[in-house]
Amino acid sequence: MADELWREERDFWLAGVAEAVRKLDETCVMAFAPTGILSRRKVVERLGAVPRWQEISMTDRAVVETNEVCVLAYRATARRSGADAYRALCTTTWIRRDGDWRILQHQQTPV
């Protein structure tokens, strides 16, 4: 299960907006410094307003999983076209809803 979710996590960073939005649970909440805490609605707005990432590296991976919930923790290095590398410590909580995995929570702490 964790291997599948690592692929989903990578796709969340790199996929188009519609695909990224499809992965969000209706109750999703995200926290970004300095942006703050965002509801699903605000996350969707922001995804449409910023360029998508071109590449992502996830290292120092850690996983906590049950049958219905999986938490991924990692160090991310991401790049957008023409921009410097972005580095952050991240966690994402995935929840199984009706057989599909959805993002319940995501947080990034820049390093």
PDB file of N, CA and C in Angstrom:
ATOM      1  N   MET A   1       0.826  -1.191   0.000  1.00  0.00           N
ATOM      2  CA  MET A   1       0.000   0.000   0.000  1.00  0.00           C
ATOM      3  C   MET A   1       0.868   1.252   0.000  1.00  0.00           C
ATOM      4  N   ALA A   2       1.922   1.286   0.797  1.00  0.00           N
ATOM      5  CA  ALA A   2       2.743   2.500   0.893  1.00  0.00           C
ATOM      6  C   ALA A   2       3.389   2.836  -0.446  1.00  0.00           C
ATOM      7  N   ASP A   3       3.831   1.829  -1.206  1.00  0.00           N
ATOM      8  CA  ASP A   3       4.438   2.111  -2.509  1.00  0.00           C
ATOM      9  C   ASP A   3       3.454   2.822  -3.426  1.00  0.00           C
ATOM     10  N   GLU A   4       2.206   2.366  -3.426  1.00  0.00           N
ATOM     11  CA  GLU A   4       1.159   3.005  -4.227  1.00  0.00           C
ATOM     12  C   GLU A   4       0.975   4.464  -3.806  1.00  0.00           C
ATOM     13  N   LEU A   5       0.970   4.712  -2.510  1.00  0.00           N
ATOM     14  CA  LEU A   5       0.756   6.072  -2.027  1.00  0.00           C
ATOM     15  C   LEU A   5       1.964   6.975  -2.276  1.00  0.00           C
ATOM     16  N   TRP A   6       3.168   6.423  -2.282  1.00  0.00           N
ATOM     17  CA  TRP A   6       4.323   7.244  -2.658  1.00  0.00           C
ATOM     18  C   TRP A   6       4.186   7.698  -4.109  1.00  0.00           C
ATOM     19  N   ARG A   7       3.693   6.824  -4.986  1.00  0.00           N
ATOM     20  CA  ARG A   7       3.448   7.220  -6.384  1.00  0.00           C
ATOM     21  C   ARG A   7       2.361   8.292  -6.451  1.00  0.00           C
ATOM     22  N   GLU A   8       1.288   8.110  -5.671  1.00  0.00           N
ATOM     23  CA  GLU A   8       0.206   9.101  -5.635  1.00  0.00           C
ATOM     24  C   GLU A   8       0.715  10.452  -5.116  1.00  0.00           C
ATOM     25  N   GLU A   9       1.583  10.398  -4.111  1.00  0.00           N
ATOM     26  CA  GLU A   9       2.155  11.623  -3.538  1.00  0.00           C
ATOM     27  C   GLU A   9       2.977  12.368  -4.594  1.00  0.00           C
ATOM     28  N   ARG A  10       3.816  11.626  -5.295  1.00  0.00           N
ATOM     29  CA  ARG A  10       4.619  12.229  -6.362  1.00  0.00           C
ATOM     30  C   ARG A  10       3.709  12.852  -7.418  1.00  0.00           C
ATOM     31  N   ASP A  11       2.693  12.115  -7.807  1.00  0.00           N
ATOM     32  CA  ASP A  11       1.752  12.626  -8.805  1.00  0.00           C
ATOM     33  C   ASP A  11       1.033  13.878  -8.312  1.00  0.00           C
ATOM     34  N   PHE A  12       0.733  13.942  -7.016  1.00  0.00           N
ATOM     35  CA  PHE A  12       0.063  15.126  -6.480  1.00  0.00           C
ATOM     36  C   PHE A  12       0.905  16.375  -6.723  1.00  0.00           C
ATOM     37  N   TRP A  13       2.200  16.277  -6.541  1.00  0.00           N
ATOM     38  CA  TRP A  13       3.092  17.413  -6.774  1.00  0.00           C
ATOM     39  C   TRP A  13       3.178  17.763  -8.265  1.00  0.00           C
ATOM     40  N   LEU A  14       3.213  16.747  -9.132  1.00  0.00           N
ATOM     41  CA  LEU A  14       3.548  16.971 -10.534  1.00  0.00           C
ATOM     42  C   LEU A  14       2.364  17.010 -11.494  1.00  0.00           C
ATOM     43  N   ALA A  15       1.236  16.436 -11.113  1.00  0.00           N
ATOM     44  CA  ALA A  15       0.094  16.325 -12.022  1.00  0.00           C
ATOM     45  C   ALA A  15      -0.557  17.677 -12.279  1.00  0.00           C
ATOM     46  N   GLY A  16      -1.378  17.709 -13.283  1.00  0.00           N
ATOM     47  CA  GLY A  16      -2.156  18.903 -13.559  1.00  0.00           C
ATOM     48  C   GLY A  16      -3.129  19.191 -12.424  1.00  0.00           C
ATOM     49  N   VAL A  17      -3.709  20.371 -12.458  1.00  0.00           N
ATOM     50  CA  VAL A  17      -4.596  20.810 -11.379  1.00  0.00           C
ATOM     51  C   VAL A  17      -5.779  19.860 -11.201  1.00  0.00           C
ATOM     52  N   ALA A  18      -6.426  19.453 -12.290  1.00  0.00           N
ATOM     53  CA  ALA A  18      -7.603  18.590 -12.180  1.00  0.00           C
ATOM     54  C   ALA A  18      -7.267  17.277 -11.490  1.00  0.00           C
ATOM     55  N   GLU A  19      -6.128  16.693 -11.823  1.00  0.00           N
ATOM     56  CA  GLU A  19      -5.711  15.438 -11.194  1.00  0.00           C
ATOM     57  C   GLU A  19      -5.368  15.659  -9.724  1.00  0.00           C
ATOM     58  N   ALA A  20      -4.697  16.755  -9.414  1.00  0.00           N
ATOM     59  CA  ALA A  20      -4.365  17.051  -8.023  1.00  0.00           C
ATOM     60  C   ALA A  20      -5.631  17.235  -7.198  1.00  0.00           C
ATOM     61  N   VAL A  21      -6.586  17.969  -7.719  1.00  0.00           N
ATOM     62  CA  VAL A  21      -7.844  18.222  -7.013  1.00  0.00           C
ATOM     63  C   VAL A  21      -8.599  16.918  -6.768  1.00  0.00           C
ATOM     64  N   ARG A  22      -8.544  16.009  -7.721  1.00  0.00           N
ATOM     65  CA  ARG A  22      -9.230  14.718  -7.586  1.00  0.00           C
ATOM     66  C   ARG A  22      -8.738  13.948  -6.359  1.00  0.00           C
ATOM     67  N   LYS A  23      -7.518  14.170  -5.958  1.00  0.00           N
ATOM     68  CA  LYS A  23      -6.934  13.442  -4.829  1.00  0.00           C
ATOM     69  C   LYS A  23      -7.329  14.017  -3.468  1.00  0.00           C
ATOM     70  N   LEU A  24      -7.910  15.197  -3.433  1.00  0.00           N
ATOM     71  CA  LEU A  24      -8.223  15.859  -2.162  1.00  0.00           C
ATOM     72  C   LEU A  24      -9.528  15.351  -1.559  1.00  0.00           C
ATOM     73  N   ASP A  25      -9.493  14.985  -0.298  1.00  0.00           N
ATOM     74  CA  ASP A  25     -10.702  14.639   0.433  1.00  0.00           C
ATOM     75  C   ASP A  25     -11.534  15.907   0.635  1.00  0.00           C
ATOM     76  N   GLU A  26     -12.827  15.760   0.754  1.00  0.00           N
ATOM     77  CA  GLU A  26     -13.710  16.921   0.959  1.00  0.00           C
ATOM     78  C   GLU A  26     -13.375  17.676   2.240  1.00  0.00           C
ATOM     79  N   THR A  27     -12.810  16.996   3.226  1.00  0.00           N
ATOM     80  CA  THR A  27     -12.486  17.629   4.502  1.00  0.00           C
ATOM     81  C   THR A  27     -11.010  18.008   4.611  1.00  0.00           C
ATOM     82  N   CYS A  28     -10.290  17.971   3.516  1.00  0.00           N
ATOM     83  CA  CYS A  28      -8.850  18.221   3.497  1.00  0.00           C
ATOM     84  C   CYS A  28      -8.485  19.575   4.099  1.00  0.00           C
ATOM     85  N   VAL A  29      -7.362  19.581   4.813  1.00  0.00           N
ATOM     86  CA  VAL A  29      -6.777  20.814   5.348  1.00  0.00           C
ATOM     87  C   VAL A  29      -5.274  20.748   5.087  1.00  0.00           C
ATOM     88  N   MET A  30      -4.698  21.894   4.715  1.00  0.00           N
ATOM     89  CA  MET A  30      -3.265  21.963   4.454  1.00  0.00           C
ATOM     90  C   MET A  30      -2.674  23.154   5.198  1.00  0.00           C
ATOM     91  N   ALA A  31      -1.393  23.012   5.569  1.00  0.00           N
ATOM     92  CA  ALA A  31      -0.695  24.087   6.278  1.00  0.00           C
ATOM     93  C   ALA A  31       0.623  24.385   5.579  1.00  0.00           C
ATOM     94  N   PHE A  32       0.801  25.664   5.224  1.00  0.00           N
ATOM     95  CA  PHE A  32       2.004  26.117   4.550  1.00  0.00           C
ATOM     96  C   PHE A  32       2.526  27.365   5.261  1.00  0.00           C
ATOM     97  N   ALA A  33       3.861  27.425   5.438  1.00  0.00           N
ATOM     98  CA  ALA A  33       4.468  28.647   5.960  1.00  0.00           C
ATOM     99  C   ALA A  33       4.930  29.456   4.759  1.00  0.00           C
ATOM    100  N   PRO A  34       4.676  30.720   4.669  1.00  0.00           N
ATOM    101  CA  PRO A  34       3.938  31.564   5.608  1.00  0.00           C
ATOM    102  C   PRO A  34       2.458  31.694   5.268  1.00  0.00           C
ATOM    103  N   THR A  35       1.961  30.963   4.276  1.00  0.00           N
ATOM    104  CA  THR A  35       0.575  31.116   3.802  1.00  0.00           C
ATOM    105  C   THR A  35      -0.443  30.897   4.901  1.00  0.00           C
ATOM    106  N   GLY A  36      -0.272  29.831   5.687  1.00  0.00           N
ATOM    107  CA  GLY A  36      -1.197  29.529   6.770  1.00  0.00           C
ATOM    108  C   GLY A  36      -1.948  28.239   6.529  1.00  0.00           C
ATOM    109  N   ILE A  37      -3.078  28.111   7.197  1.00  0.00           N
ATOM    110  CA  ILE A  37      -3.904  26.903   7.130  1.00  0.00           C
ATOM    111  C   ILE A  37      -4.989  27.115   6.081  1.00  0.00           C
ATOM    112  N   LEU A  38      -5.103  26.148   5.172  1.00  0.00           N
ATOM    113  CA  LEU A  38      -6.032  26.264   4.050  1.00  0.00           C
ATOM    114  C   LEU A  38      -7.054  25.135   4.051  1.00  0.00           C
ATOM    115  N   SER A  39      -8.304  25.490   3.830  1.00  0.00           N
ATOM    116  CA  SER A  39      -9.362  24.497   3.629  1.00  0.00           C
ATOM    117  C   SER A  39      -9.238  23.941   2.214  1.00  0.00           C
ATOM    118  N   ARG A  40      -9.987  22.904   1.902  1.00  0.00           N
ATOM    119  CA  ARG A  40      -9.960  22.322   0.562  1.00  0.00           C
ATOM    120  C   ARG A  40     -10.266  23.378  -0.497  1.00  0.00           C
ATOM    121  N   ARG A  41     -11.260  24.201  -0.258  1.00  0.00           N
ATOM    122  CA  ARG A  41     -11.644  25.235  -1.226  1.00  0.00           C
ATOM    123  C   ARG A  41     -10.475  26.163  -1.525  1.00  0.00           C
ATOM    124  N   LYS A  42      -9.773  26.603  -0.484  1.00  0.00           N
ATOM    125  CA  LYS A  42      -8.630  27.500  -0.659  1.00  0.00           C
ATOM    126  C   LYS A  42      -7.467  26.784  -1.365  1.00  0.00           C
ATOM    127  N   VAL A  43      -7.281  25.506  -1.054  1.00  0.00           N
ATOM    128  CA  VAL A  43      -6.226  24.734  -1.721  1.00  0.00           C
ATOM    129  C   VAL A  43      -6.511  24.677  -3.219  1.00  0.00           C
ATOM    130  N   VAL A  44      -7.743  24.391  -3.591  1.00  0.00           N
ATOM    131  CA  VAL A  44      -8.121  24.315  -4.999  1.00  0.00           C
ATOM    132  C   VAL A  44      -7.868  25.662  -5.684  1.00  0.00           C
ATOM    133  N   GLU A  45      -8.235  26.757  -5.042  1.00  0.00           N
ATOM    134  CA  GLU A  45      -7.982  28.086  -5.603  1.00  0.00           C
ATOM    135  C   GLU A  45      -6.484  28.302  -5.831  1.00  0.00           C
ATOM    136  N   ARG A  46      -5.673  27.958  -4.852  1.00  0.00           N
ATOM    137  CA  ARG A  46      -4.219  28.168  -4.949  1.00  0.00           C
ATOM    138  C   ARG A  46      -3.600  27.288  -6.025  1.00  0.00           C
ATOM    139  N   LEU A  47      -4.070  26.043  -6.138  1.00  0.00           N
ATOM    140  CA  LEU A  47      -3.521  25.150  -7.164  1.00  0.00           C
ATOM    141  C   LEU A  47      -3.698  25.744  -8.558  1.00  0.00           C
ATOM    142  N   GLY A  48      -4.823  26.396  -8.775  1.00  0.00           N
ATOM    143  CA  GLY A  48      -5.087  26.997 -10.072  1.00  0.00           C
ATOM    144  C   GLY A  48      -4.329  28.297 -10.309  1.00  0.00           C
ATOM    145  N   ALA A  49      -3.766  28.874  -9.243  1.00  0.00           N
ATOM    146  CA  ALA A  49      -3.133  30.189  -9.345  1.00  0.00           C
ATOM    147  C   ALA A  49      -1.600  30.136  -9.401  1.00  0.00           C
ATOM    148  N   VAL A  50      -1.014  28.983  -9.159  1.00  0.00           N
ATOM    149  CA  VAL A  50       0.447  28.874  -9.161  1.00  0.00           C
ATOM    150  C   VAL A  50       0.884  27.823 -10.187  1.00  0.00           C
ATOM    151  N   PRO A  51       2.090  27.978 -10.753  1.00  0.00           N
ATOM    152  CA  PRO A  51       2.570  26.966 -11.705  1.00  0.00           C
ATOM    153  C   PRO A  51       2.798  25.630 -11.000  1.00  0.00           C
ATOM    154  N   ARG A  52       2.553  24.556 -11.705  1.00  0.00           N
ATOM    155  CA  ARG A  52       2.780  23.217 -11.144  1.00  0.00           C
ATOM    156  C   ARG A  52       4.283  22.941 -11.075  1.00  0.00           C
ATOM    157  N   TRP A  53       4.654  22.022 -10.222  1.00  0.00           N
ATOM    158  CA  TRP A  53       6.051  21.622 -10.063  1.00  0.00           C
ATOM    159  C   TRP A  53       6.480  20.804 -11.279  1.00  0.00           C
ATOM    160  N   GLN A  54       7.737  20.938 -11.659  1.00  0.00           N
ATOM    161  CA  GLN A  54       8.286  20.199 -12.792  1.00  0.00           C
ATOM    162  C   GLN A  54       8.986  18.919 -12.352  1.00  0.00           C
ATOM    163  N   GLU A  55       9.539  18.944 -11.140  1.00  0.00           N
ATOM    164  CA  GLU A  55      10.216  17.756 -10.618  1.00  0.00           C
ATOM    165  C   GLU A  55      10.153  17.767  -9.095  1.00  0.00           C
ATOM    166  N   ILE A  56      10.239  16.565  -8.519  1.00  0.00           N
ATOM    167  CA  ILE A  56      10.192  16.419  -7.059  1.00  0.00           C
ATOM    168  C   ILE A  56      11.087  15.246  -6.657  1.00  0.00           C
ATOM    169  N   SER A  57      11.847  15.446  -5.601  1.00  0.00           N
ATOM    170  CA  SER A  57      12.630  14.381  -4.990  1.00  0.00           C
ATOM    171  C   SER A  57      12.147  14.260  -3.550  1.00  0.00           C
ATOM    172  N   MET A  58      11.861  13.026  -3.115  1.00  0.00           N
ATOM    173  CA  MET A  58      11.396  12.792  -1.742  1.00  0.00           C
ATOM    174  C   MET A  58      12.377  11.844  -1.055  1.00  0.00           C
ATOM    175  N   THR A  59      13.081  12.359  -0.046  1.00  0.00           N
ATOM    176  CA  THR A  59      14.075  11.559   0.665  1.00  0.00           C
ATOM    177  C   THR A  59      13.705  11.490   2.147  1.00  0.00           C
ATOM    178  N   ASP A  60      14.503  10.757   2.907  1.00  0.00           N
ATOM    179  CA  ASP A  60      14.276  10.589   4.351  1.00  0.00           C
ATOM    180  C   ASP A  60      12.825  10.176   4.616  1.00  0.00           C
ATOM    181  N   ARG A  61      12.340   9.239   3.845  1.00  0.00           N
ATOM    182  CA  ARG A  61      10.935   8.829   3.903  1.00  0.00           C
ATOM    183  C   ARG A  61      10.611   8.037   5.165  1.00  0.00           C
ATOM    184  N   ALA A  62       9.435   8.301   5.698  1.00  0.00           N
ATOM    185  CA  ALA A  62       8.899   7.543   6.829  1.00  0.00           C
ATOM    186  C   ALA A  62       7.415   7.311   6.569  1.00  0.00           C
ATOM    187  N   VAL A  63       6.911   6.173   7.064  1.00  0.00           N
ATOM    188  CA  VAL A  63       5.511   5.805   6.826  1.00  0.00           C
ATOM    189  C   VAL A  63       4.910   5.249   8.109  1.00  0.00           C
ATOM    190  N   VAL A  64       3.657   5.650   8.371  1.00  0.00           N
ATOM    191  CA  VAL A  64       2.839   5.029   9.411  1.00  0.00           C
ATOM    192  C   VAL A  64       1.542   4.652   8.716  1.00  0.00           C
ATOM    193  N   GLU A  65       1.158   3.378   8.776  1.00  0.00           N
ATOM    194  CA  GLU A  65      -0.037   2.989   8.039  1.00  0.00           C
ATOM    195  C   GLU A  65      -0.930   2.012   8.802  1.00  0.00           C
ATOM    196  N   THR A  66      -2.218   2.157   8.539  1.00  0.00           N
ATOM    197  CA  THR A  66      -3.232   1.214   8.977  1.00  0.00           C
ATOM    198  C   THR A  66      -4.017   0.826   7.722  1.00  0.00           C
ATOM    199  N   ASN A  67      -5.092   0.090   7.873  1.00  0.00           N
ATOM    200  CA  ASN A  67      -5.910  -0.278   6.709  1.00  0.00           C
ATOM    201  C   ASN A  67      -6.610   0.913   6.091  1.00  0.00           C
ATOM    202  N   GLU A  68      -6.891   1.940   6.872  1.00  0.00           N
ATOM    203  CA  GLU A  68      -7.693   3.070   6.385  1.00  0.00           C
ATOM    204  C   GLU A  68      -6.959   4.398   6.325  1.00  0.00           C
ATOM    205  N   VAL A  69      -5.785   4.478   6.975  1.00  0.00           N
ATOM    206  CA  VAL A  69      -5.042   5.739   7.043  1.00  0.00           C
ATOM    207  C   VAL A  69      -3.561   5.449   6.816  1.00  0.00           C
ATOM    208  N   CYS A  70      -2.911   6.352   6.090  1.00  0.00           N
ATOM    209  CA  CYS A  70      -1.464   6.239   5.884  1.00  0.00           C
ATOM    210  C   CYS A  70      -0.858   7.633   5.956  1.00  0.00           C
ATOM    211  N   VAL A  71       0.177   7.783   6.787  1.00  0.00           N
ATOM    212  CA  VAL A  71       0.885   9.055   6.912  1.00  0.00           C
ATOM    213  C   VAL A  71       2.250   8.896   6.252  1.00  0.00           C
ATOM    214  N   LEU A  72       2.537   9.794   5.304  1.00  0.00           N
ATOM    215  CA  LEU A  72       3.840   9.835   4.652  1.00  0.00           C
ATOM    216  C   LEU A  72       4.574  11.069   5.169  1.00  0.00           C
ATOM    217  N   ALA A  73       5.820  10.893   5.556  1.00  0.00           N
ATOM    218  CA  ALA A  73       6.665  12.010   5.987  1.00  0.00           C
ATOM    219  C   ALA A  73       7.945  11.944   5.174  1.00  0.00           C
ATOM    220  N   TYR A  74       8.447  13.112   4.745  1.00  0.00           N
ATOM    221  CA  TYR A  74       9.617  13.114   3.876  1.00  0.00           C
ATOM    222  C   TYR A  74      10.219  14.508   3.766  1.00  0.00           C
ATOM    223  N   ARG A  75      11.418  14.527   3.228  1.00  0.00           N
ATOM    224  CA  ARG A  75      12.108  15.772   2.885  1.00  0.00           C
ATOM    225  C   ARG A  75      11.938  15.945   1.375  1.00  0.00           C
ATOM    226  N   ALA A  76      11.346  17.065   0.960  1.00  0.00           N
ATOM    227  CA  ALA A  76      11.082  17.325  -0.456  1.00  0.00           C
ATOM    228  C   ALA A  76      12.060  18.348  -1.007  1.00  0.00           C
ATOM    229  N   THR A  77      12.517  18.095  -2.219  1.00  0.00           N
ATOM    230  CA  THR A  77      13.226  19.090  -3.014  1.00  0.00           C
ATOM    231  C   THR A  77      12.476  19.156  -4.335  1.00  0.00           C
ATOM    232  N   ALA A  78      11.876  20.303  -4.620  1.00  0.00           N
ATOM    233  CA  ALA A  78      11.035  20.453  -5.801  1.00  0.00           C
ATOM    234  C   ALA A  78      11.497  21.645  -6.627  1.00  0.00           C
ATOM    235  N   ARG A  79      11.195  21.582  -7.917  1.00  0.00           N
ATOM    236  CA  ARG A  79      11.559  22.676  -8.821  1.00  0.00           C
ATOM    237  C   ARG A  79      10.405  23.005  -9.756  1.00  0.00           C
ATOM    238  N   ARG A  80      10.248  24.308  -9.956  1.00  0.00           N
ATOM    239  CA  ARG A  80       9.350  24.819 -10.989  1.00  0.00           C
ATOM    240  C   ARG A  80      10.235  25.388 -12.099  1.00  0.00           C
ATOM    241  N   SER A  81       9.718  25.454 -13.285  1.00  0.00           N
ATOM    242  CA  SER A  81      10.461  25.974 -14.421  1.00  0.00           C
ATOM    243  C   SER A  81      10.993  27.371 -14.125  1.00  0.00           C
ATOM    244  N   GLY A  82      12.312  27.547 -14.281  1.00  0.00           N
ATOM    245  CA  GLY A  82      12.926  28.850 -14.112  1.00  0.00           C
ATOM    246  C   GLY A  82      13.077  29.329 -12.687  1.00  0.00           C
ATOM    247  N   ALA A  83      12.819  28.485 -11.709  1.00  0.00           N
ATOM    248  CA  ALA A  83      12.880  28.908 -10.302  1.00  0.00           C
ATOM    249  C   ALA A  83      13.937  28.107  -9.542  1.00  0.00           C
ATOM    250  N   ASP A  84      14.377  28.655  -8.411  1.00  0.00           N
ATOM    251  CA  ASP A  84      15.300  27.938  -7.533  1.00  0.00           C
ATOM    252  C   ASP A  84      14.606  26.744  -6.908  1.00  0.00           C
ATOM    253  N   ALA A  85      15.395  25.804  -6.416  1.00  0.00           N
ATOM    254  CA  ALA A  85      14.846  24.636  -5.742  1.00  0.00           C
ATOM    255  C   ALA A  85      14.115  25.051  -4.471  1.00  0.00           C
ATOM    256  N   TYR A  86      13.012  24.360  -4.199  1.00  0.00           N
ATOM    257  CA  TYR A  86      12.235  24.547  -2.974  1.00  0.00           C
ATOM    258  C   TYR A  86      12.486  23.317  -2.120  1.00  0.00           C
ATOM    259  N   ARG A  87      12.832  23.538  -0.857  1.00  0.00           N
ATOM    260  CA  ARG A  87      13.104  22.425   0.061  1.00  0.00           C
ATOM    261  C   ARG A  87      12.194  22.546   1.276  1.00  0.00           C
ATOM    262  N   ALA A  88      11.590  21.407   1.652  1.00  0.00           N
ATOM    263  CA  ALA A  88      10.665  21.429   2.788  1.00  0.00           C
ATOM    264  C   ALA A  88      10.591  20.050   3.432  1.00  0.00           C
ATOM    265  N   LEU A  89      10.233  20.049   4.712  1.00  0.00           N
ATOM    266  CA  LEU A  89       9.840  18.822   5.396  1.00  0.00           C
ATOM    267  C   LEU A  89       8.323  18.735   5.236  1.00  0.00           C
ATOM    268  N   CYS A  90       7.832  17.570   4.833  1.00  0.00           N
ATOM    269  CA  CYS A  90       6.409  17.430   4.508  1.00  0.00           C
ATOM    270  C   CYS A  90       5.791  16.221   5.195  1.00  0.00           C
ATOM    271  N   THR A  91       4.511  16.333   5.476  1.00  0.00           N
ATOM    272  CA  THR A  91       3.707  15.180   5.867  1.00  0.00           C
ATOM    273  C   THR A  91       2.404  15.240   5.088  1.00  0.00           C
ATOM    274  N   THR A  92       1.936  14.068   4.724  1.00  0.00           N
ATOM    275  CA  THR A  92       0.631  13.944   4.092  1.00  0.00           C
ATOM    276  C   THR A  92      -0.087  12.770   4.735  1.00  0.00           C
ATOM    277  N   THR A  93      -1.329  13.002   5.121  1.00  0.00           N
ATOM    278  CA  THR A  93      -2.163  11.934   5.658  1.00  0.00           C
ATOM    279  C   THR A  93      -3.176  11.555   4.584  1.00  0.00           C
ATOM    280  N   TRP A  94      -3.121  10.300   4.177  1.00  0.00           N
ATOM    281  CA  TRP A  94      -4.044   9.753   3.189  1.00  0.00           C
ATOM    282  C   TRP A  94      -5.092   8.916   3.912  1.00  0.00           C
ATOM    283  N   ILE A  95      -6.342   9.020   3.483  1.00  0.00           N
ATOM    284  CA  ILE A  95      -7.432   8.245   4.076  1.00  0.00           C
ATOM    285  C   ILE A  95      -8.157   7.488   2.972  1.00  0.00           C
ATOM    286  N   ARG A  96      -8.561   6.262   3.290  1.00  0.00           N
ATOM    287  CA  ARG A  96      -9.304   5.467   2.308  1.00  0.00           C
ATOM    288  C   ARG A  96     -10.795   5.797   2.440  1.00  0.00           C
ATOM    289  N   ARG A  97     -11.378   6.261   1.336  1.00  0.00           N
ATOM    290  CA  ARG A  97     -12.812   6.587   1.274  1.00  0.00           C
ATOM    291  C   ARG A  97     -13.425   5.794   0.136  1.00  0.00           C
ATOM    292  N   ASP A  98     -14.344   4.895   0.467  1.00  0.00           N
ATOM    293  CA  ASP A  98     -15.024   4.079  -0.549  1.00  0.00           C
ATOM    294  C   ASP A  98     -14.032   3.398  -1.480  1.00  0.00           C
ATOM    295  N   GLY A  99     -12.932   2.900  -0.920  1.00  0.00           N
ATOM    296  CA  GLY A  99     -11.946   2.162  -1.690  1.00  0.00           C
ATOM    297  C   GLY A  99     -10.879   3.004  -2.366  1.00  0.00           C
ATOM    298  N   ASP A 100     -11.029   4.320  -2.384  1.00  0.00           N
ATOM    299  CA  ASP A 100     -10.048   5.211  -3.006  1.00  0.00           C
ATOM    300  C   ASP A 100      -9.269   5.967  -1.939  1.00  0.00           C
ATOM    301  N   TRP A 101      -8.000   6.239  -2.222  1.00  0.00           N
ATOM    302  CA  TRP A 101      -7.181   7.011  -1.310  1.00  0.00           C
ATOM    303  C   TRP A 101      -7.315   8.493  -1.625  1.00  0.00           C
ATOM    304  N   ARG A 102      -7.518   9.295  -0.572  1.00  0.00           N
ATOM    305  CA  ARG A 102      -7.676  10.742  -0.691  1.00  0.00           C
ATOM    306  C   ARG A 102      -6.764  11.426   0.329  1.00  0.00           C
ATOM    307  N   ILE A 103      -6.331  12.635  -0.004  1.00  0.00           N
ATOM    308  CA  ILE A 103      -5.486  13.411   0.912  1.00  0.00           C
ATOM    309  C   ILE A 103      -6.384  14.077   1.951  1.00  0.00           C
ATOM    310  N   LEU A 104      -6.149  13.734   3.201  1.00  0.00           N
ATOM    311  CA  LEU A 104      -6.893  14.319   4.314  1.00  0.00           C
ATOM    312  C   LEU A 104      -6.160  15.538   4.871  1.00  0.00           C
ATOM    313  N   GLN A 105      -4.829  15.470   4.875  1.00  0.00           N
ATOM    314  CA  GLN A 105      -4.006  16.533   5.459  1.00  0.00           C
ATOM    315  C   GLN A 105      -2.667  16.564   4.739  1.00  0.00           C
ATOM    316  N   HIS A 106      -2.140  17.763   4.545  1.00  0.00           N
ATOM    317  CA  HIS A 106      -0.796  17.928   4.003  1.00  0.00           C
ATOM    318  C   HIS A 106      -0.199  19.165   4.650  1.00  0.00           C
ATOM    319  N   GLN A 107       1.109  19.096   4.960  1.00  0.00           N
ATOM    320  CA  GLN A 107       1.812  20.224   5.589  1.00  0.00           C
ATOM    321  C   GLN A 107       3.206  20.292   5.043  1.00  0.00           C
ATOM    322  N   GLN A 108       3.702  21.516   4.863  1.00  0.00           N
ATOM    323  CA  GLN A 108       5.073  21.736   4.405  1.00  0.00           C
ATOM    324  C   GLN A 108       5.746  22.762   5.313  1.00  0.00           C
ATOM    325  N   THR A 109       6.944  22.413   5.767  1.00  0.00           N
ATOM    326  CA  THR A 109       7.764  23.339   6.545  1.00  0.00           C
ATOM    327  C   THR A 109       9.042  23.581   5.757  1.00  0.00           C
ATOM    328  N   PRO A 110       9.200  24.786   5.177  1.00  0.00           N
ATOM    329  CA  PRO A 110      10.407  25.068   4.405  1.00  0.00           C
ATOM    330  C   PRO A 110      11.675  24.911   5.255  1.00  0.00           C
ATOM    331  N   VAL A 111      12.720  24.384   4.622  1.00  0.00           N
ATOM    332  CA  VAL A 111      14.033  24.239   5.293  1.00  0.00           C
ATOM    333  C   VAL A 111      15.101  24.901   4.448  1.00  0.00           C
TER     334      VAL A 111
END
